[in-house]
C-alpha atoms as a PDB file:
ATOM      1  CA  MET A   1     185.566  49.222  86.852  1.00  0.00           C
ATOM      2  CA  GLU A   2     183.385  46.372  86.347  1.00  0.00           C
ATOM      3  CA  LEU A   3     180.882  45.489  84.384  1.00  0.00           C
ATOM      4  CA  ARG A   4     178.402  45.081  87.280  1.00  0.00           C
ATOM      5  CA  GLN A   5     179.032  47.880  88.601  1.00  0.00           C
ATOM      6  CA  LEU A   6     178.210  49.903  85.814  1.00  0.00           C
ATOM      7  CA  LYS A   7     175.287  48.203  85.701  1.00  0.00           C
ATOM      8  CA  TYR A   8     174.090  48.934  89.533  1.00  0.00           C
ATOM      9  CA  PHE A   9     174.962  52.742  88.259  1.00  0.00           C
ATOM     10  CA  VAL A  10     172.714  52.375  85.493  1.00  0.00           C
ATOM     11  CA  LYS A  11     169.948  51.483  87.816  1.00  0.00           C
ATOM     12  CA  ALA A  12     170.569  53.353  90.385  1.00  0.00           C
ATOM     13  CA  ALA A  13     170.125  56.287  88.172  1.00  0.00           C
ATOM     14  CA  GLU A  14     166.781  54.957  86.623  1.00  0.00           C
ATOM     15  CA  THR A  15     165.294  54.401  89.849  1.00  0.00           C
ATOM     16  CA  LEU A  16     166.958  57.246  91.663  1.00  0.00           C
ATOM     17  CA  ASN A  17     166.946  55.496  94.790  1.00  0.00           C
ATOM     18  CA  PHE A  18     169.828  52.931  95.968  1.00  0.00           C
ATOM     19  CA  SER A  19     167.007  50.670  97.746  1.00  0.00           C
ATOM     20  CA  ASP A  20     164.967  50.492  94.511  1.00  0.00           C
ATOM     21  CA  ALA A  21     167.942  49.956  92.515  1.00  0.00           C
ATOM     22  CA  ALA A  22     168.856  46.821  94.896  1.00  0.00           C
ATOM     23  CA  LYS A  23     166.035  45.167  94.673  1.00  0.00           C
ATOM     24  CA  ALA A  24     165.540  45.571  91.133  1.00  0.00           C
ATOM     25  CA  MET A  25     169.621  43.559  90.352  1.00  0.00           C
ATOM     26  CA  ASN A  26     167.785  41.398  93.208  1.00  0.00           C
ATOM     27  CA  ILE A  27     171.062  42.347  95.877  1.00  0.00           C
ATOM     28  CA  ALA A  28     171.270  44.108  99.250  1.00  0.00           C
ATOM     29  CA  GLN A  29     171.143  47.806  99.668  1.00  0.00           C
ATOM     30  CA  SER A  30     174.551  47.704 100.745  1.00  0.00           C
ATOM     31  CA  SER A  31     176.123  45.880  98.023  1.00  0.00           C
ATOM     32  CA  LEU A  32     175.096  48.128  95.493  1.00  0.00           C
ATOM     33  CA  SER A  33     175.605  51.378  97.744  1.00  0.00           C
ATOM     34  CA  GLN A  34     179.437  50.187  98.385  1.00  0.00           C
ATOM     35  CA  GLN A  35     179.942  48.828  94.521  1.00  0.00           C
ATOM     36  CA  VAL A  36     178.759  52.319  93.243  1.00  0.00           C
ATOM     37  CA  ARG A  37     181.244  54.576  95.635  1.00  0.00           C
ATOM     38  CA  GLN A  38     184.107  51.729  94.529  1.00  0.00           C
ATOM     39  CA  LEU A  39     183.532  53.191  91.142  1.00  0.00           C
ATOM     40  CA  GLU A  40     183.230  56.466  92.119  1.00  0.00           C
ATOM     41  CA  GLU A  41     186.777  56.057  94.220  1.00  0.00           C
ATOM     42  CA  GLU A  42     187.844  54.554  91.346  1.00  0.00           C
ATOM     43  CA  LEU A  43     187.365  57.295  88.579  1.00  0.00           C
ATOM     44  CA  ASP A  44     187.964  60.091  91.742  1.00  0.00           C
ATOM     45  CA  VAL A  45     184.536  61.514  91.119  1.00  0.00           C
ATOM     46  CA  GLN A  46     181.225  61.592  92.649  1.00  0.00           C
ATOM     47  CA  LEU A  47     178.049  60.154  90.256  1.00  0.00           C
ATOM     48  CA  PHE A  48     175.195  61.193  92.696  1.00  0.00           C
ATOM     49  CA  ILE A  49     174.063  64.086  95.198  1.00  0.00           C
ATOM     50  CA  ARG A  50     172.664  61.239  98.235  1.00  0.00           C
ATOM     51  CA  ASN A  51     170.519  62.378 100.958  1.00  0.00           C
ATOM     52  CA  SER A  52     168.260  60.912 103.632  1.00  0.00           C
ATOM     53  CA  HIS A  53     165.593  60.363 101.153  1.00  0.00           C
ATOM     54  CA  SER A  54     166.793  60.132  97.482  1.00  0.00           C
ATOM     55  CA  ILE A  55     169.433  60.415  95.109  1.00  0.00           C
ATOM     56  CA  SER A  56     170.318  62.152  92.022  1.00  0.00           C
ATOM     57  CA  LEU A  57     172.453  62.227  89.249  1.00  0.00           C
ATOM     58  CA  THR A  58     175.949  64.539  89.539  1.00  0.00           C
ATOM     59  CA  GLU A  59     176.858  66.209  86.499  1.00  0.00           C
ATOM     60  CA  ALA A  60     179.373  63.862  86.138  1.00  0.00           C
ATOM     61  CA  GLY A  61     176.826  61.207  86.419  1.00  0.00           C
ATOM     62  CA  GLU A  62     175.049  62.669  83.931  1.00  0.00           C
ATOM     63  CA  GLU A  63     177.905  62.390  81.291  1.00  0.00           C
ATOM     64  CA  MET A  64     178.290  58.722  82.056  1.00  0.00           C
ATOM     65  CA  LEU A  65     175.185  57.759  81.729  1.00  0.00           C
ATOM     66  CA  PRO A  66     175.038  57.117  78.418  1.00  0.00           C
ATOM     67  CA  PHE A  67     178.497  55.696  78.330  1.00  0.00           C
ATOM     68  CA  ALA A  68     177.532  52.954  80.848  1.00  0.00           C
ATOM     69  CA  LEU A  69     174.486  52.203  78.632  1.00  0.00           C
ATOM     70  CA  GLN A  70     176.259  51.990  76.098  1.00  0.00           C
ATOM     71  CA  THR A  71     178.757  49.506  77.099  1.00  0.00           C
ATOM     72  CA  ILE A  72     176.343  47.271  78.869  1.00  0.00           C
ATOM     73  CA  HIS A  73     174.397  47.126  75.505  1.00  0.00           C
ATOM     74  CA  ASP A  74     177.847  46.255  73.871  1.00  0.00           C
ATOM     75  CA  ALA A  75     178.015  43.959  76.284  1.00  0.00           C
ATOM     76  CA  GLU A  76     174.696  41.798  76.064  1.00  0.00           C
ATOM     77  CA  THR A  77     175.738  42.013  71.778  1.00  0.00           C
ATOM     78  CA  CYS A  78     178.929  40.288  72.419  1.00  0.00           C
ATOM     79  CA  VAL A  79     176.988  37.854  74.720  1.00  0.00           C
ATOM     80  CA  ASP A  80     174.187  37.436  71.781  1.00  0.00           C
ATOM     81  CA  ARG A  81     176.314  37.021  69.373  1.00  0.00           C
ATOM     82  CA  ILE A  82     177.889  33.685  71.373  1.00  0.00           C
ATOM     83  CA  HIS A  83     175.119  32.514  71.595  1.00  0.00           C
ATOM     84  CA  ASP A  84     174.145  32.911  67.952  1.00  0.00           C
ATOM     85  CA  LEU A  85     177.374  30.782  67.427  1.00  0.00           C
ATOM     86  CA  LYS A  86     176.129  28.117  69.115  1.00  0.00           C
ATOM     87  CA  LYS A  87     173.220  27.266  66.293  1.00  0.00           C
ATOM     88  CA  LEU A  88     170.237  28.953  68.647  1.00  0.00           C
ATOM     89  CA  SER A  89     170.970  26.403  71.225  1.00  0.00           C
ATOM     90  CA  ALA A  90     170.934  29.669  74.190  1.00  0.00           C
ATOM     91  CA  GLY A  91     169.585  32.615  74.554  1.00  0.00           C
ATOM     92  CA  SER A  92     166.415  34.420  74.462  1.00  0.00           C
ATOM     93  CA  LEU A  93     164.481  36.699  72.355  1.00  0.00           C
ATOM     94  CA  ASN A  94     162.289  40.101  73.583  1.00  0.00           C
ATOM     95  CA  ILE A  95     159.394  40.470  71.480  1.00  0.00           C
ATOM     96  CA  GLY A  96     157.175  43.380  71.688  1.00  0.00           C
ATOM     97  CA  VAL A  97     153.191  42.958  70.691  1.00  0.00           C
ATOM     98  CA  THR A  98     150.420  45.544  70.598  1.00  0.00           C
ATOM     99  CA  TYR A  99     146.755  44.191  70.804  1.00  0.00           C
ATOM    100  CA  SER A 100     145.609  43.664  67.750  1.00  0.00           C
ATOM    101  CA  PHE A 101     148.315  41.154  66.989  1.00  0.00           C
ATOM    102  CA  SER A 102     148.226  38.912  68.969  1.00  0.00           C
ATOM    103  CA  PRO A 103     145.822  36.354  66.605  1.00  0.00           C
ATOM    104  CA  ILE A 104     148.710  36.091  64.678  1.00  0.00           C
ATOM    105  CA  LEU A 105     151.562  35.399  67.312  1.00  0.00           C
ATOM    106  CA  THR A 106     150.405  32.254  68.535  1.00  0.00           C
ATOM    107  CA  GLU A 107     151.485  30.070  65.593  1.00  0.00           C
ATOM    108  CA  THR A 108     154.395  31.213  65.431  1.00  0.00           C
ATOM    109  CA  VAL A 109     155.452  30.696  69.252  1.00  0.00           C
ATOM    110  CA  ILE A 110     154.156  27.320  68.875  1.00  0.00           C
ATOM    111  CA  THR A 111     155.846  26.662  65.609  1.00  0.00           C
ATOM    112  CA  PHE A 112     159.401  28.394  66.781  1.00  0.00           C
ATOM    113  CA  LEU A 113     159.462  26.954  70.494  1.00  0.00           C
ATOM    114  CA  LYS A 114     159.277  23.055  68.826  1.00  0.00           C
ATOM    115  CA  ILE A 115     162.085  23.987  66.408  1.00  0.00           C
ATOM    116  CA  TYR A 116     164.141  26.036  68.986  1.00  0.00           C
ATOM    117  CA  PRO A 117     163.202  24.832  72.831  1.00  0.00           C
ATOM    118  CA  ARG A 118     166.340  26.320  74.359  1.00  0.00           C
ATOM    119  CA  ILE A 119     165.520  29.771  73.807  1.00  0.00           C
ATOM    120  CA  LYS A 120     163.456  32.028  76.126  1.00  0.00           C
ATOM    121  CA  LEU A 121     160.756  33.494  74.741  1.00  0.00           C
ATOM    122  CA  ASN A 122     159.946  36.523  76.349  1.00  0.00           C
ATOM    123  CA  VAL A 123     156.697  38.330  74.560  1.00  0.00           C
ATOM    124  CA  ILE A 124     155.388  42.053  75.936  1.00  0.00           C
ATOM    125  CA  TYR A 125     152.197  43.372  75.193  1.00  0.00           C
ATOM    126  CA  LYS A 126     151.805  47.131  75.385  1.00  0.00           C
ATOM    127  CA  PRO A 127     150.443  50.155  73.271  1.00  0.00           C
ATOM    128  CA  MET A 128     152.970  50.673  70.732  1.00  0.00           C
ATOM    129  CA  ASN A 129     154.263  54.131  72.002  1.00  0.00           C
ATOM    130  CA  GLU A 130     155.415  52.326  74.555  1.00  0.00           C
ATOM    131  CA  LEU A 131     156.742  49.148  72.825  1.00  0.00           C
ATOM    132  CA  MET A 132     158.661  51.881  70.867  1.00  0.00           C
ATOM    133  CA  GLU A 133     160.516  53.289  73.796  1.00  0.00           C
ATOM    134  CA  LEU A 134     161.441  50.031  75.122  1.00  0.00           C
ATOM    135  CA  LEU A 135     163.014  49.339  71.064  1.00  0.00           C
ATOM    136  CA  ALA A 136     165.387  52.144  71.670  1.00  0.00           C
ATOM    137  CA  LYS A 137     166.289  50.959  74.826  1.00  0.00           C
ATOM    138  CA  HIS A 138     166.890  47.827  73.403  1.00  0.00           C
ATOM    139  CA  GLU A 139     164.839  46.300  76.098  1.00  0.00           C
ATOM    140  CA  LEU A 140     162.913  44.405  72.638  1.00  0.00           C
ATOM    141  CA  ASP A 141     164.565  43.147  69.899  1.00  0.00           C
ATOM    142  CA  PHE A 142     162.120  44.029  67.768  1.00  0.00           C
ATOM    143  CA  VAL A 143     157.845  44.894  68.203  1.00  0.00           C
ATOM    144  CA  LEU A 144     155.031  44.274  66.061  1.00  0.00           C
ATOM    145  CA  ALA A 145     152.849  46.469  65.230  1.00  0.00           C
ATOM    146  CA  PHE A 146     151.120  48.549  62.424  1.00  0.00           C
ATOM    147  CA  LYS A 147     153.138  51.265  60.875  1.00  0.00           C
ATOM    148  CA  PRO A 148     152.485  54.702  62.809  1.00  0.00           C
ATOM    149  CA  SER A 149     152.279  57.805  60.911  1.00  0.00           C
ATOM    150  CA  ARG A 150     155.429  59.241  61.801  1.00  0.00           C
ATOM    151  CA  GLN A 151     157.804  57.350  61.438  1.00  0.00           C
ATOM    152  CA  PRO A 152     160.584  56.989  64.204  1.00  0.00           C
ATOM    153  CA  ALA A 153     164.341  58.014  62.367  1.00  0.00           C
ATOM    154  CA  ASP A 154     166.034  54.991  64.465  1.00  0.00           C
ATOM    155  CA  VAL A 155     163.720  52.213  63.502  1.00  0.00           C
ATOM    156  CA  GLU A 156     163.277  50.058  60.155  1.00  0.00           C
ATOM    157  CA  SER A 157     159.282  49.056  59.656  1.00  0.00           C
ATOM    158  CA  HIS A 158     159.534  45.741  57.372  1.00  0.00           C
ATOM    159  CA  THR A 159     155.804  45.146  55.666  1.00  0.00           C
ATOM    160  CA  LEU A 160     153.959  41.873  56.788  1.00  0.00           C
ATOM    161  CA  PHE A 161     150.453  42.549  55.584  1.00  0.00           C
ATOM    162  CA  GLN A 162     147.494  45.101  54.609  1.00  0.00           C
ATOM    163  CA  ASN A 163     144.842  45.630  57.359  1.00  0.00           C
ATOM    164  CA  ARG A 164     141.704  47.350  57.286  1.00  0.00           C
ATOM    165  CA  LEU A 165     139.775  49.518  59.878  1.00  0.00           C
ATOM    166  CA  ALA A 166     136.519  47.793  61.041  1.00  0.00           C
ATOM    167  CA  ALA A 167     133.323  47.956  62.888  1.00  0.00           C
ATOM    168  CA  VAL A 168     133.114  44.579  64.898  1.00  0.00           C
ATOM    169  CA  VAL A 169     129.871  43.662  66.485  1.00  0.00           C
ATOM    170  CA  SER A 170     128.306  40.103  67.403  1.00  0.00           C
ATOM    171  CA  THR A 171     127.115  37.857  64.935  1.00  0.00           C
ATOM    172  CA  ASN A 172     123.173  38.691  65.648  1.00  0.00           C
ATOM    173  CA  HIS A 173     124.479  42.736  65.517  1.00  0.00           C
ATOM    174  CA  ALA A 174     121.965  43.869  63.102  1.00  0.00           C
ATOM    175  CA  LEU A 175     125.185  45.645  61.647  1.00  0.00           C
ATOM    176  CA  ALA A 176     126.596  41.885  61.135  1.00  0.00           C
ATOM    177  CA  SER A 177     124.877  41.417  57.620  1.00  0.00           C
ATOM    178  CA  LYS A 178     126.460  44.334  56.000  1.00  0.00           C
ATOM    179  CA  LYS A 179     129.771  44.488  53.929  1.00  0.00           C
ATOM    180  CA  LYS A 180     130.916  48.281  54.471  1.00  0.00           C
ATOM    181  CA  ILE A 181     129.578  50.582  57.067  1.00  0.00           C
ATOM    182  CA  SER A 182     129.885  54.429  56.816  1.00  0.00           C
ATOM    183  CA  MET A 183     130.919  56.861  59.637  1.00  0.00           C
ATOM    184  CA  ALA A 184     127.277  58.410  59.722  1.00  0.00           C
ATOM    185  CA  GLU A 185     125.569  54.899  60.061  1.00  0.00           C
ATOM    186  CA  LEU A 186     128.270  54.408  62.642  1.00  0.00           C
ATOM    187  CA  GLU A 187     126.663  57.233  64.780  1.00  0.00           C
ATOM    188  CA  LYS A 188     123.331  55.492  65.163  1.00  0.00           C
ATOM    189  CA  TYR A 189     124.685  53.124  67.453  1.00  0.00           C
ATOM    190  CA  ASP A 190     126.560  53.006  71.106  1.00  0.00           C
ATOM    191  CA  LEU A 191     129.875  51.960  70.992  1.00  0.00           C
ATOM    192  CA  ALA A 192     132.481  50.739  72.848  1.00  0.00           C
ATOM    193  CA  LEU A 193     135.851  51.588  71.838  1.00  0.00           C
ATOM    194  CA  PRO A 194     139.780  50.803  72.764  1.00  0.00           C
ATOM    195  CA  SER A 195     141.520  53.399  74.647  1.00  0.00           C
ATOM    196  CA  GLU A 196     143.432  56.613  73.389  1.00  0.00           C
ATOM    197  CA  GLY A 197     146.801  55.517  72.840  1.00  0.00           C
ATOM    198  CA  LEU A 198     145.930  51.966  71.515  1.00  0.00           C
ATOM    199  CA  GLN A 199     146.525  51.865  67.198  1.00  0.00           C
ATOM    200  CA  ALA A 200     142.928  51.138  66.314  1.00  0.00           C
ATOM    201  CA  ARG A 201     141.551  54.022  68.453  1.00  0.00           C
ATOM    202  CA  ASN A 202     144.267  56.420  66.712  1.00  0.00           C
ATOM    203  CA  ALA A 203     143.546  55.414  63.118  1.00  0.00           C
ATOM    204  CA  PHE A 204     140.290  55.993  64.338  1.00  0.00           C
ATOM    205  CA  ASP A 205     139.771  58.945  65.753  1.00  0.00           C
ATOM    206  CA  SER A 206     142.639  60.327  62.502  1.00  0.00           C
ATOM    207  CA  ILE A 207     139.212  60.160  60.861  1.00  0.00           C
ATOM    208  CA  VAL A 208     136.808  61.096  62.971  1.00  0.00           C
ATOM    209  CA  HIS A 209     134.982  64.599  61.314  1.00  0.00           C
ATOM    210  CA  ASN A 210     134.834  67.357  63.808  1.00  0.00           C
ATOM    211  CA  ASP A 211     131.216  67.288  63.780  1.00  0.00           C
ATOM    212  CA  SER A 212     130.774  63.568  64.245  1.00  0.00           C
ATOM    213  CA  HIS A 213     128.816  62.425  67.277  1.00  0.00           C
ATOM    214  CA  PHE A 214     129.239  59.642  68.444  1.00  0.00           C
ATOM    215  CA  HIS A 215     128.191  57.623  71.810  1.00  0.00           C
ATOM    216  CA  ILE A 216     130.991  56.347  73.343  1.00  0.00           C
ATOM    217  CA  CYS A 217     129.856  54.067  77.139  1.00  0.00           C
ATOM    218  CA  ILE A 218     132.940  52.556  77.467  1.00  0.00           C
ATOM    219  CA  GLU A 219     136.620  52.913  76.374  1.00  0.00           C
ATOM    220  CA  LEU A 220     138.988  49.818  77.238  1.00  0.00           C
ATOM    221  CA  ASN A 221     142.791  48.929  77.075  1.00  0.00           C
ATOM    222  CA  GLU A 222     141.990  45.144  76.650  1.00  0.00           C
ATOM    223  CA  VAL A 223     141.295  43.403  73.286  1.00  0.00           C
ATOM    224  CA  ASN A 224     140.223  40.212  74.962  1.00  0.00           C
ATOM    225  CA  ILE A 225     137.518  41.379  77.232  1.00  0.00           C
ATOM    226  CA  LEU A 226     136.435  44.457  75.095  1.00  0.00           C
ATOM    227  CA  LEU A 227     135.696  41.424  72.200  1.00  0.00           C
ATOM    228  CA  LYS A 228     133.954  39.535  75.473  1.00  0.00           C
ATOM    229  CA  LEU A 229     131.605  42.873  75.763  1.00  0.00           C
ATOM    230  CA  ILE A 230     130.888  42.709  72.406  1.00  0.00           C
ATOM    231  CA  ARG A 231     129.776  38.986  72.103  1.00  0.00           C
ATOM    232  CA  GLN A 232     127.382  39.496  75.363  1.00  0.00           C
ATOM    233  CA  THR A 233     125.819  43.576  74.316  1.00  0.00           C
ATOM    234  CA  HIS A 234     124.695  45.139  71.067  1.00  0.00           C
ATOM    235  CA  PHE A 235     127.931  47.697  71.437  1.00  0.00           C
ATOM    236  CA  VAL A 236     129.678  48.125  68.665  1.00  0.00           C
ATOM    237  CA  THR A 237     134.030  48.389  68.615  1.00  0.00           C
ATOM    238  CA  ILE A 238     136.157  49.664  65.789  1.00  0.00           C
ATOM    239  CA  LEU A 239     139.455  47.226  65.608  1.00  0.00           C
ATOM    240  CA  ALA A 240     141.860  46.236  62.773  1.00  0.00           C
ATOM    241  CA  GLU A 241     139.440  43.716  60.836  1.00  0.00           C
ATOM    242  CA  ASP A 242     141.932  41.087  61.394  1.00  0.00           C
ATOM    243  CA  THR A 243     142.244  41.215  64.900  1.00  0.00           C
ATOM    244  CA  ILE A 244     138.995  38.887  65.350  1.00  0.00           C
ATOM    245  CA  TYR A 245     141.557  35.857  63.246  1.00  0.00           C
ATOM    246  CA  ASN A 246     140.162  33.288  64.813  1.00  0.00           C
ATOM    247  CA  GLU A 247     137.385  34.597  67.096  1.00  0.00           C
ATOM    248  CA  HIS A 248     134.380  33.561  67.032  1.00  0.00           C
ATOM    249  CA  GLU A 249     130.854  34.942  67.574  1.00  0.00           C
ATOM    250  CA  VAL A 250     131.666  38.594  66.039  1.00  0.00           C
ATOM    251  CA  LYS A 251     132.140  39.969  62.917  1.00  0.00           C
ATOM    252  CA  ALA A 252     134.387  42.700  61.413  1.00  0.00           C
ATOM    253  CA  ILE A 253     132.620  45.616  58.854  1.00  0.00           C
ATOM    254  CA  PRO A 254     134.835  47.348  57.108  1.00  0.00           C
ATOM    255  CA  LEU A 255     134.729  51.302  57.642  1.00  0.00           C
ATOM    256  CA  ASP A 256     133.444  52.383  54.486  1.00  0.00           C
ATOM    257  CA  VAL A 257     135.763  55.543  54.821  1.00  0.00           C
ATOM    258  CA  PRO A 258     138.742  56.855  52.286  1.00  0.00           C
ATOM    259  CA  TYR A 259     142.328  55.577  52.581  1.00  0.00           C
ATOM    260  CA  ASN A 260     141.001  52.842  55.029  1.00  0.00           C
ATOM    261  CA  ASP A 261     143.830  51.368  55.352  1.00  0.00           C
ATOM    262  CA  MET A 262     146.434  49.762  58.149  1.00  0.00           C
ATOM    263  CA  THR A 263     149.872  48.004  57.622  1.00  0.00           C
ATOM    264  CA  GLY A 264     151.175  45.316  59.642  1.00  0.00           C
ATOM    265  CA  CYS A 265     154.740  45.430  60.257  1.00  0.00           C
ATOM    266  CA  VAL A 266     157.818  43.944  62.011  1.00  0.00           C
ATOM    267  CA  HIS A 267     159.766  47.257  64.103  1.00  0.00           C
ATOM    268  CA  ILE A 268     163.830  46.826  64.422  1.00  0.00           C
ATOM    269  CA  LEU A 269     166.418  49.054  65.016  1.00  0.00           C
ATOM    270  CA  LYS A 270     168.710  50.406  62.257  1.00  0.00           C
ATOM    271  CA  ASP A 271     172.261  49.630  62.426  1.00  0.00           C
ATOM    272  CA  THR A 272     172.104  47.589  65.513  1.00  0.00           C
ATOM    273  CA  TYR A 273     173.188  43.708  65.725  1.00  0.00           C
ATOM    274  CA  HIS A 274     170.208  41.623  64.942  1.00  0.00           C
ATOM    275  CA  LYS A 275     169.869  38.225  66.897  1.00  0.00           C
ATOM    276  CA  HIS A 276     169.727  35.282  64.600  1.00  0.00           C
ATOM    277  CA  SER A 277     166.905  33.898  66.231  1.00  0.00           C
ATOM    278  CA  MET A 278     164.718  36.939  65.645  1.00  0.00           C
ATOM    279  CA  LYS A 279     165.654  36.945  61.972  1.00  0.00           C
ATOM    280  CA  GLU A 280     164.398  33.276  62.341  1.00  0.00           C
ATOM    281  CA  PHE A 281     161.390  34.205  64.406  1.00  0.00           C
ATOM    282  CA  ILE A 282     160.595  36.403  61.799  1.00  0.00           C
ATOM    283  CA  ARG A 283     161.190  34.398  58.915  1.00  0.00           C
ATOM    284  CA  LEU A 284     158.649  31.931  60.932  1.00  0.00           C
ATOM    285  CA  LEU A 285     155.825  34.361  61.089  1.00  0.00           C
ATOM    286  CA  SER A 286     156.495  35.562  57.600  1.00  0.00           C
ATOM    287  CA  GLU A 287     155.676  32.005  56.071  1.00  0.00           C
ATOM    288  CA  SER A 288     152.880  31.116  58.693  1.00  0.00           C
ATOM    289  CA  LEU A 289     149.407  30.841  57.490  1.00  0.00           C
ATOM    290  CA  ALA A 290     147.948  33.194  59.694  1.00  0.00           C
ATOM    291  CA  VAL A 291     149.825  35.746  57.640  1.00  0.00           C
ATOM    292  CA  LYS A 292     149.910  34.255  54.330  1.00  0.00           C
ATOM    293  CA  GLN A 293     145.744  34.689  54.838  1.00  0.00           C
ATOM    294  CA  ARG A 294     145.914  38.376  55.419  1.00  0.00           C
ATOM    295  CA  GLN A 295     148.370  38.592  52.287  1.00  0.00           C
ATOM    296  CA  ASN A 296     146.244  37.125  50.263  1.00  0.00           C
ATOM    297  CA  SER A 297     143.424  38.698  51.097  1.00  0.00           C
ATOM    298  CA  TRP A 298     144.396  41.807  49.784  1.00  0.00           C
ATOM    299  CA  ILE A 299     146.229  40.264  45.868  1.00  0.00           C
END
């Protein structure tokens, strides 16, 4: 049994299509099919039910899949440990980031790449629930996001800073001079909101009363486009206050509601190997000016 055979088996189990699996692995379909067949012959068991259009796992295939995934993960962990022994002279770091965390990341990325130019950074921007799924699959090393309302049992969340939910407007908007805004006052304005599923939207929806009447004109799942819209119109959006860090021509006015706080965190998996490069990146992030400014604003 070879590691590559297990990788081919896992990819085929994920796609349920030999052609798609072969494309994802960048090999010929015939090679992938042959390797899976050799694995079945070695185990003396059929792993897939095949027909002309698709494949599906047999009972034996279903039983084998979690063990194959664990074996691949253990092999990759072994490689990561060896790379760490080379004092961060090789390897990669996979970072999941929610859109709200984008402003605080740039400084640390630049610093890290200057110190460790041979470490490849893969930065993935997605909603938090999708990032947590990738983290659970070991496809990400850690996630930068606000603390969820329900903490996953297999995840540790380490606080970076505290934040508040705010109404964000252009600097020439009528609300720009205010220090706080109530939910009742917010009902008077046209809203351009983050899409459902994004953390700021989830936080906003959790504090909205059933009798509230907001005029939502547009929803967007891309914060940069949302901020561009806010600059050019009189719409109001709802974001974490520090989302506009280093952004020009916009103003954040904290919402005047109870428990208006959002905790910025680093999320990592429990009981698993953590790369030295991950620990170093988190250290640099914690010491960055962007994070220090947020910490000081709550002292």
